[in-house]
Each structure stands twice: as C-alpha cells, then as structure tokens.
Amino acid sequence: MSNVKNIQNLMIGVDGRSLETLSHELVAMKITIGLLFQKLPAHEKDNLIKSLKAHDNEYLGEMAGALEQFKI
C-alpha cells in the first residue's frame, strides 16, 4: 500500500507584476527554506550544504551560503 498523499485543489500563485514583486517573493521563499533548514538535524544540514556546493552552479552555491547563515 502506498503512503503517497495528494493535496486536492492546491492553489499557489506568483505575483508577477514586476521584477520587484518577484524579488520579494523570492526572498520570502528563501527565508522560508532557511527556517525549514533550521529544523533539520545537524548532519542533514551539513549534507544538504555539501550537496548544493558539489554542483558547479553559481546559484546553488549562493543558496548553500545563504543556508549556512541559518545554522544556529
């Protein structure tokens, strides 16, 4: 038996009126991810940061740096 659950009628939107509104939404998402990251066990935090840094991608590297700020 599968433990997969579906959320019915999920409604998620983006305010795309301008680059400024998109940037505010992006910052809010990064903060939300950081707050969720704080709840992970220490070894999981380290593994996630290492995994992000392992990719040769500027943006993933920046995200790893941002998450390191939440390691408190």
PDB file of N, CA and C in Angstrom:
ATOM      1  N   MET A   1       0.843  -1.180   0.000  1.00  0.00           N
ATOM      2  CA  MET A   1       0.000   0.000   0.000  1.00  0.00           C
ATOM      3  C   MET A   1       0.888   1.244   0.000  1.00  0.00           C
ATOM      4  N   SER A   2       0.557   2.189  -0.806  1.00  0.00           N
ATOM      5  CA  SER A   2       1.357   3.399  -0.954  1.00  0.00           C
ATOM      6  C   SER A   2       0.997   4.438   0.107  1.00  0.00           C
ATOM      7  N   ASN A   3       2.017   5.163   0.573  1.00  0.00           N
ATOM      8  CA  ASN A   3       1.803   6.253   1.520  1.00  0.00           C
ATOM      9  C   ASN A   3       1.748   7.601   0.826  1.00  0.00           C
ATOM     10  N   VAL A   4       1.636   7.594  -0.488  1.00  0.00           N
ATOM     11  CA  VAL A   4       1.595   8.837  -1.251  1.00  0.00           C
ATOM     12  C   VAL A   4       0.253   9.515  -1.025  1.00  0.00           C
ATOM     13  N   LYS A   5       0.310  10.815  -0.697  1.00  0.00           N
ATOM     14  CA  LYS A   5      -0.911  11.586  -0.495  1.00  0.00           C
ATOM     15  C   LYS A   5      -0.906  12.765  -1.450  1.00  0.00           C
ATOM     16  N   ASN A   6      -2.064  13.099  -1.936  1.00  0.00           N
ATOM     17  CA  ASN A   6      -2.216  14.230  -2.839  1.00  0.00           C
ATOM     18  C   ASN A   6      -2.962  15.350  -2.137  1.00  0.00           C
ATOM     19  N   ILE A   7      -2.568  16.566  -2.423  1.00  0.00           N
ATOM     20  CA  ILE A   7      -3.292  17.730  -1.934  1.00  0.00           C
ATOM     21  C   ILE A   7      -4.266  18.132  -3.030  1.00  0.00           C
ATOM     22  N   GLN A   8      -5.519  18.080  -2.719  1.00  0.00           N
ATOM     23  CA  GLN A   8      -6.548  18.418  -3.697  1.00  0.00           C
ATOM     24  C   GLN A   8      -6.706  19.937  -3.794  1.00  0.00           C
ATOM     25  N   ASN A   9      -6.838  20.429  -4.993  1.00  0.00           N
ATOM     26  CA  ASN A   9      -7.111  21.845  -5.257  1.00  0.00           C
ATOM     27  C   ASN A   9      -6.051  22.785  -4.684  1.00  0.00           C
ATOM     28  N   LEU A  10      -4.797  22.392  -4.754  1.00  0.00           N
ATOM     29  CA  LEU A  10      -3.707  23.242  -4.284  1.00  0.00           C
ATOM     30  C   LEU A  10      -3.653  24.504  -5.130  1.00  0.00           C
ATOM     31  N   MET A  11      -3.638  25.642  -4.475  1.00  0.00           N
ATOM     32  CA  MET A  11      -3.617  26.928  -5.173  1.00  0.00           C
ATOM     33  C   MET A  11      -2.372  27.697  -4.734  1.00  0.00           C
ATOM     34  N   ILE A  12      -1.396  27.806  -5.617  1.00  0.00           N
ATOM     35  CA  ILE A  12      -0.185  28.576  -5.345  1.00  0.00           C
ATOM     36  C   ILE A  12      -0.007  29.533  -6.502  1.00  0.00           C
ATOM     37  N   GLY A  13       0.205  30.783  -6.180  1.00  0.00           N
ATOM     38  CA  GLY A  13       0.370  31.783  -7.233  1.00  0.00           C
ATOM     39  C   GLY A  13       1.637  32.588  -7.038  1.00  0.00           C
ATOM     40  N   VAL A  14       1.952  33.353  -8.039  1.00  0.00           N
ATOM     41  CA  VAL A  14       3.110  34.239  -8.011  1.00  0.00           C
ATOM     42  C   VAL A  14       2.652  35.610  -8.480  1.00  0.00           C
ATOM     43  N   ASP A  15       3.081  36.629  -7.761  1.00  0.00           N
ATOM     44  CA  ASP A  15       2.772  38.000  -8.159  1.00  0.00           C
ATOM     45  C   ASP A  15       3.834  38.437  -9.153  1.00  0.00           C
ATOM     46  N   GLY A  16       3.512  38.362 -10.419  1.00  0.00           N
ATOM     47  CA  GLY A  16       4.478  38.662 -11.469  1.00  0.00           C
ATOM     48  C   GLY A  16       4.306  40.029 -12.100  1.00  0.00           C
ATOM     49  N   ARG A  17       3.734  40.969 -11.354  1.00  0.00           N
ATOM     50  CA  ARG A  17       3.508  42.296 -11.924  1.00  0.00           C
ATOM     51  C   ARG A  17       4.802  43.021 -12.274  1.00  0.00           C
ATOM     52  N   SER A  18       5.858  42.747 -11.512  1.00  0.00           N
ATOM     53  CA  SER A  18       7.122  43.436 -11.775  1.00  0.00           C
ATOM     54  C   SER A  18       8.275  42.603 -11.235  1.00  0.00           C
ATOM     55  N   LEU A  19       9.490  42.981 -11.620  1.00  0.00           N
ATOM     56  CA  LEU A  19      10.671  42.309 -11.073  1.00  0.00           C
ATOM     57  C   LEU A  19      10.763  42.523  -9.571  1.00  0.00           C
ATOM     58  N   GLU A  20      10.314  43.668  -9.103  1.00  0.00           N
ATOM     59  CA  GLU A  20      10.367  43.951  -7.668  1.00  0.00           C
ATOM     60  C   GLU A  20       9.461  43.001  -6.885  1.00  0.00           C
ATOM     61  N   THR A  21       8.248  42.781  -7.367  1.00  0.00           N
ATOM     62  CA  THR A  21       7.359  41.863  -6.651  1.00  0.00           C
ATOM     63  C   THR A  21       7.888  40.432  -6.712  1.00  0.00           C
ATOM     64  N   LEU A  22       8.464  40.051  -7.836  1.00  0.00           N
ATOM     65  CA  LEU A  22       9.066  38.717  -7.936  1.00  0.00           C
ATOM     66  C   LEU A  22      10.239  38.574  -6.977  1.00  0.00           C
ATOM     67  N   SER A  23      11.053  39.620  -6.853  1.00  0.00           N
ATOM     68  CA  SER A  23      12.202  39.539  -5.948  1.00  0.00           C
ATOM     69  C   SER A  23      11.741  39.433  -4.499  1.00  0.00           C
ATOM     70  N   HIS A  24      10.661  40.113  -4.135  1.00  0.00           N
ATOM     71  CA  HIS A  24      10.128  39.994  -2.772  1.00  0.00           C
ATOM     72  C   HIS A  24       9.633  38.573  -2.506  1.00  0.00           C
ATOM     73  N   GLU A  25       8.981  37.982  -3.486  1.00  0.00           N
ATOM     74  CA  GLU A  25       8.523  36.601  -3.324  1.00  0.00           C
ATOM     75  C   GLU A  25       9.706  35.648  -3.209  1.00  0.00           C
ATOM     76  N   LEU A  26      10.746  35.876  -3.976  1.00  0.00           N
ATOM     77  CA  LEU A  26      11.929  35.023  -3.926  1.00  0.00           C
ATOM     78  C   LEU A  26      12.603  35.108  -2.561  1.00  0.00           C
ATOM     79  N   VAL A  27      12.729  36.306  -2.024  1.00  0.00           N
ATOM     80  CA  VAL A  27      13.319  36.469  -0.692  1.00  0.00           C
ATOM     81  C   VAL A  27      12.464  35.749   0.350  1.00  0.00           C
ATOM     82  N   ALA A  28      11.152  35.883   0.253  1.00  0.00           N
ATOM     83  CA  ALA A  28      10.263  35.198   1.199  1.00  0.00           C
ATOM     84  C   ALA A  28      10.441  33.684   1.116  1.00  0.00           C
ATOM     85  N   MET A  29      10.591  33.158  -0.096  1.00  0.00           N
ATOM     86  CA  MET A  29      10.801  31.717  -0.263  1.00  0.00           C
ATOM     87  C   MET A  29      12.135  31.289   0.341  1.00  0.00           C
ATOM     88  N   LYS A  30      13.188  32.086   0.132  1.00  0.00           N
ATOM     89  CA  LYS A  30      14.499  31.734   0.685  1.00  0.00           C
ATOM     90  C   LYS A  30      14.464  31.734   2.208  1.00  0.00           C
ATOM     91  N   ILE A  31      13.782  32.703   2.790  1.00  0.00           N
ATOM     92  CA  ILE A  31      13.674  32.743   4.249  1.00  0.00           C
ATOM     93  C   ILE A  31      12.885  31.537   4.748  1.00  0.00           C
ATOM     94  N   THR A  32      11.820  31.192   4.066  1.00  0.00           N
ATOM     95  CA  THR A  32      11.025  30.020   4.442  1.00  0.00           C
ATOM     96  C   THR A  32      11.867  28.752   4.382  1.00  0.00           C
ATOM     97  N   ILE A  33      12.641  28.598   3.318  1.00  0.00           N
ATOM     98  CA  ILE A  33      13.519  27.430   3.190  1.00  0.00           C
ATOM     99  C   ILE A  33      14.548  27.429   4.313  1.00  0.00           C
ATOM    100  N   GLY A  34      15.090  28.593   4.638  1.00  0.00           N
ATOM    101  CA  GLY A  34      16.055  28.694   5.728  1.00  0.00           C
ATOM    102  C   GLY A  34      15.460  28.290   7.063  1.00  0.00           C
ATOM    103  N   LEU A  35      14.234  28.705   7.323  1.00  0.00           N
ATOM    104  CA  LEU A  35      13.577  28.343   8.579  1.00  0.00           C
ATOM    105  C   LEU A  35      13.298  26.846   8.645  1.00  0.00           C
ATOM    106  N   LEU A  36      12.923  26.242   7.530  1.00  0.00           N
ATOM    107  CA  LEU A  36      12.760  24.785   7.489  1.00  0.00           C
ATOM    108  C   LEU A  36      14.104  24.088   7.673  1.00  0.00           C
ATOM    109  N   PHE A  37      15.152  24.634   7.068  1.00  0.00           N
ATOM    110  CA  PHE A  37      16.508  24.101   7.173  1.00  0.00           C
ATOM    111  C   PHE A  37      16.950  24.053   8.637  1.00  0.00           C
ATOM    112  N   GLN A  38      16.583  25.070   9.415  1.00  0.00           N
ATOM    113  CA  GLN A  38      16.960  25.112  10.828  1.00  0.00           C
ATOM    114  C   GLN A  38      16.427  23.913  11.597  1.00  0.00           C
ATOM    115  N   LYS A  39      15.341  23.345  11.169  1.00  0.00           N
ATOM    116  CA  LYS A  39      14.719  22.232  11.883  1.00  0.00           C
ATOM    117  C   LYS A  39      15.372  20.882  11.587  1.00  0.00           C
ATOM    118  N   LEU A  40      16.262  20.845  10.605  1.00  0.00           N
ATOM    119  CA  LEU A  40      16.944  19.598  10.263  1.00  0.00           C
ATOM    120  C   LEU A  40      18.001  19.263  11.308  1.00  0.00           C
ATOM    121  N   PRO A  41      18.297  17.972  11.490  1.00  0.00           N
ATOM    122  CA  PRO A  41      19.427  17.583  12.337  1.00  0.00           C
ATOM    123  C   PRO A  41      20.735  18.116  11.732  1.00  0.00           C
ATOM    124  N   ALA A  42      21.730  18.331  12.571  1.00  0.00           N
ATOM    125  CA  ALA A  42      22.998  18.935  12.136  1.00  0.00           C
ATOM    126  C   ALA A  42      23.620  18.194  10.959  1.00  0.00           C
ATOM    127  N   HIS A  43      23.630  16.857  11.000  1.00  0.00           N
ATOM    128  CA  HIS A  43      24.257  16.111   9.904  1.00  0.00           C
ATOM    129  C   HIS A  43      23.501  16.297   8.590  1.00  0.00           C
ATOM    130  N   GLU A  44      22.181  16.448   8.658  1.00  0.00           N
ATOM    131  CA  GLU A  44      21.395  16.682   7.441  1.00  0.00           C
ATOM    132  C   GLU A  44      21.670  18.073   6.881  1.00  0.00           C
ATOM    133  N   LYS A  45      21.850  19.043   7.763  1.00  0.00           N
ATOM    134  CA  LYS A  45      22.200  20.397   7.314  1.00  0.00           C
ATOM    135  C   LYS A  45      23.518  20.360   6.551  1.00  0.00           C
ATOM    136  N   ASP A  46      24.511  19.697   7.154  1.00  0.00           N
ATOM    137  CA  ASP A  46      25.828  19.607   6.513  1.00  0.00           C
ATOM    138  C   ASP A  46      25.746  18.889   5.171  1.00  0.00           C
ATOM    139  N   ASN A  47      24.991  17.797   5.116  1.00  0.00           N
ATOM    140  CA  ASN A  47      24.852  17.044   3.864  1.00  0.00           C
ATOM    141  C   ASN A  47      24.189  17.871   2.775  1.00  0.00           C
ATOM    142  N   LEU A  48      23.168  18.632   3.130  1.00  0.00           N
ATOM    143  CA  LEU A  48      22.482  19.457   2.139  1.00  0.00           C
ATOM    144  C   LEU A  48      23.405  20.543   1.602  1.00  0.00           C
ATOM    145  N   ILE A  49      24.147  21.193   2.484  1.00  0.00           N
ATOM    146  CA  ILE A  49      25.075  22.243   2.050  1.00  0.00           C
ATOM    147  C   ILE A  49      26.158  21.655   1.155  1.00  0.00           C
ATOM    148  N   LYS A  50      26.713  20.504   1.540  1.00  0.00           N
ATOM    149  CA  LYS A  50      27.727  19.850   0.705  1.00  0.00           C
ATOM    150  C   LYS A  50      27.164  19.480  -0.658  1.00  0.00           C
ATOM    151  N   SER A  51      25.934  18.990  -0.661  1.00  0.00           N
ATOM    152  CA  SER A  51      25.292  18.600  -1.911  1.00  0.00           C
ATOM    153  C   SER A  51      25.095  19.803  -2.830  1.00  0.00           C
ATOM    154  N   LEU A  52      24.666  20.918  -2.288  1.00  0.00           N
ATOM    155  CA  LEU A  52      24.481  22.126  -3.098  1.00  0.00           C
ATOM    156  C   LEU A  52      25.812  22.628  -3.652  1.00  0.00           C
ATOM    157  N   LYS A  53      26.858  22.569  -2.820  1.00  0.00           N
ATOM    158  CA  LYS A  53      28.177  23.048  -3.251  1.00  0.00           C
ATOM    159  C   LYS A  53      28.818  22.119  -4.277  1.00  0.00           C
ATOM    160  N   ALA A  54      28.404  20.846  -4.284  1.00  0.00           N
ATOM    161  CA  ALA A  54      29.007  19.869  -5.194  1.00  0.00           C
ATOM    162  C   ALA A  54      28.662  20.151  -6.654  1.00  0.00           C
ATOM    163  N   HIS A  55      27.573  20.845  -6.878  1.00  0.00           N
ATOM    164  CA  HIS A  55      27.176  21.195  -8.246  1.00  0.00           C
ATOM    165  C   HIS A  55      27.958  22.422  -8.686  1.00  0.00           C
ATOM    166  N   ASP A  56      28.379  22.414  -9.907  1.00  0.00           N
ATOM    167  CA  ASP A  56      29.102  23.566 -10.451  1.00  0.00           C
ATOM    168  C   ASP A  56      28.075  24.576 -10.955  1.00  0.00           C
ATOM    169  N   ASN A  57      27.373  25.189  -9.983  1.00  0.00           N
ATOM    170  CA  ASN A  57      26.292  26.101 -10.321  1.00  0.00           C
ATOM    171  C   ASN A  57      26.344  27.293  -9.371  1.00  0.00           C
ATOM    172  N   GLU A  58      26.494  28.455  -9.925  1.00  0.00           N
ATOM    173  CA  GLU A  58      26.620  29.690  -9.144  1.00  0.00           C
ATOM    174  C   GLU A  58      25.446  29.880  -8.182  1.00  0.00           C
ATOM    175  N   TYR A  59      24.248  29.614  -8.648  1.00  0.00           N
ATOM    176  CA  TYR A  59      23.059  29.879  -7.839  1.00  0.00           C
ATOM    177  C   TYR A  59      22.887  28.871  -6.707  1.00  0.00           C
ATOM    178  N   LEU A  60      23.224  27.619  -6.963  1.00  0.00           N
ATOM    179  CA  LEU A  60      23.174  26.624  -5.889  1.00  0.00           C
ATOM    180  C   LEU A  60      24.241  26.919  -4.842  1.00  0.00           C
ATOM    181  N   GLY A  61      25.404  27.384  -5.288  1.00  0.00           N
ATOM    182  CA  GLY A  61      26.452  27.783  -4.352  1.00  0.00           C
ATOM    183  C   GLY A  61      26.014  28.949  -3.484  1.00  0.00           C
ATOM    184  N   GLU A  62      25.329  29.906  -4.097  1.00  0.00           N
ATOM    185  CA  GLU A  62      24.810  31.042  -3.332  1.00  0.00           C
ATOM    186  C   GLU A  62      23.751  30.586  -2.331  1.00  0.00           C
ATOM    187  N   MET A  63      22.926  29.632  -2.728  1.00  0.00           N
ATOM    188  CA  MET A  63      21.908  29.113  -1.812  1.00  0.00           C
ATOM    189  C   MET A  63      22.563  28.393  -0.645  1.00  0.00           C
ATOM    190  N   ALA A  64      23.637  27.653  -0.909  1.00  0.00           N
ATOM    191  CA  ALA A  64      24.373  26.985   0.170  1.00  0.00           C
ATOM    192  C   ALA A  64      24.896  28.018   1.156  1.00  0.00           C
ATOM    193  N   GLY A  65      25.437  29.114   0.637  1.00  0.00           N
ATOM    194  CA  GLY A  65      25.925  30.183   1.505  1.00  0.00           C
ATOM    195  C   GLY A  65      24.809  30.813   2.318  1.00  0.00           C
ATOM    196  N   ALA A  66      23.656  30.992   1.692  1.00  0.00           N
ATOM    197  CA  ALA A  66      22.513  31.561   2.408  1.00  0.00           C
ATOM    198  C   ALA A  66      22.059  30.618   3.520  1.00  0.00           C
ATOM    199  N   LEU A  67      22.017  29.314   3.227  1.00  0.00           N
ATOM    200  CA  LEU A  67      21.583  28.353   4.238  1.00  0.00           C
ATOM    201  C   LEU A  67      22.561  28.278   5.401  1.00  0.00           C
ATOM    202  N   GLU A  68      23.842  28.461   5.125  1.00  0.00           N
ATOM    203  CA  GLU A  68      24.829  28.428   6.212  1.00  0.00           C
ATOM    204  C   GLU A  68      24.532  29.494   7.263  1.00  0.00           C
ATOM    205  N   GLN A  69      23.901  30.581   6.856  1.00  0.00           N
ATOM    206  CA  GLN A  69      23.538  31.629   7.812  1.00  0.00           C
ATOM    207  C   GLN A  69      22.467  31.155   8.795  1.00  0.00           C
ATOM    208  N   PHE A  70      21.722  30.120   8.409  1.00  0.00           N
ATOM    209  CA  PHE A  70      20.657  29.603   9.265  1.00  0.00           C
ATOM    210  C   PHE A  70      21.151  28.485  10.187  1.00  0.00           C
ATOM    211  N   LYS A  71      22.440  28.150  10.133  1.00  0.00           N
ATOM    212  CA  LYS A  71      22.994  27.101  11.008  1.00  0.00           C
ATOM    213  C   LYS A  71      23.280  27.704  12.379  1.00  0.00           C
ATOM    214  N   ILE A  72      22.238  27.806  13.182  1.00  0.00           N
ATOM    215  CA  ILE A  72      22.407  28.368  14.532  1.00  0.00           C
ATOM    216  C   ILE A  72      21.904  27.386  15.565  1.00  0.00           C
TER     217      ILE A  72
END
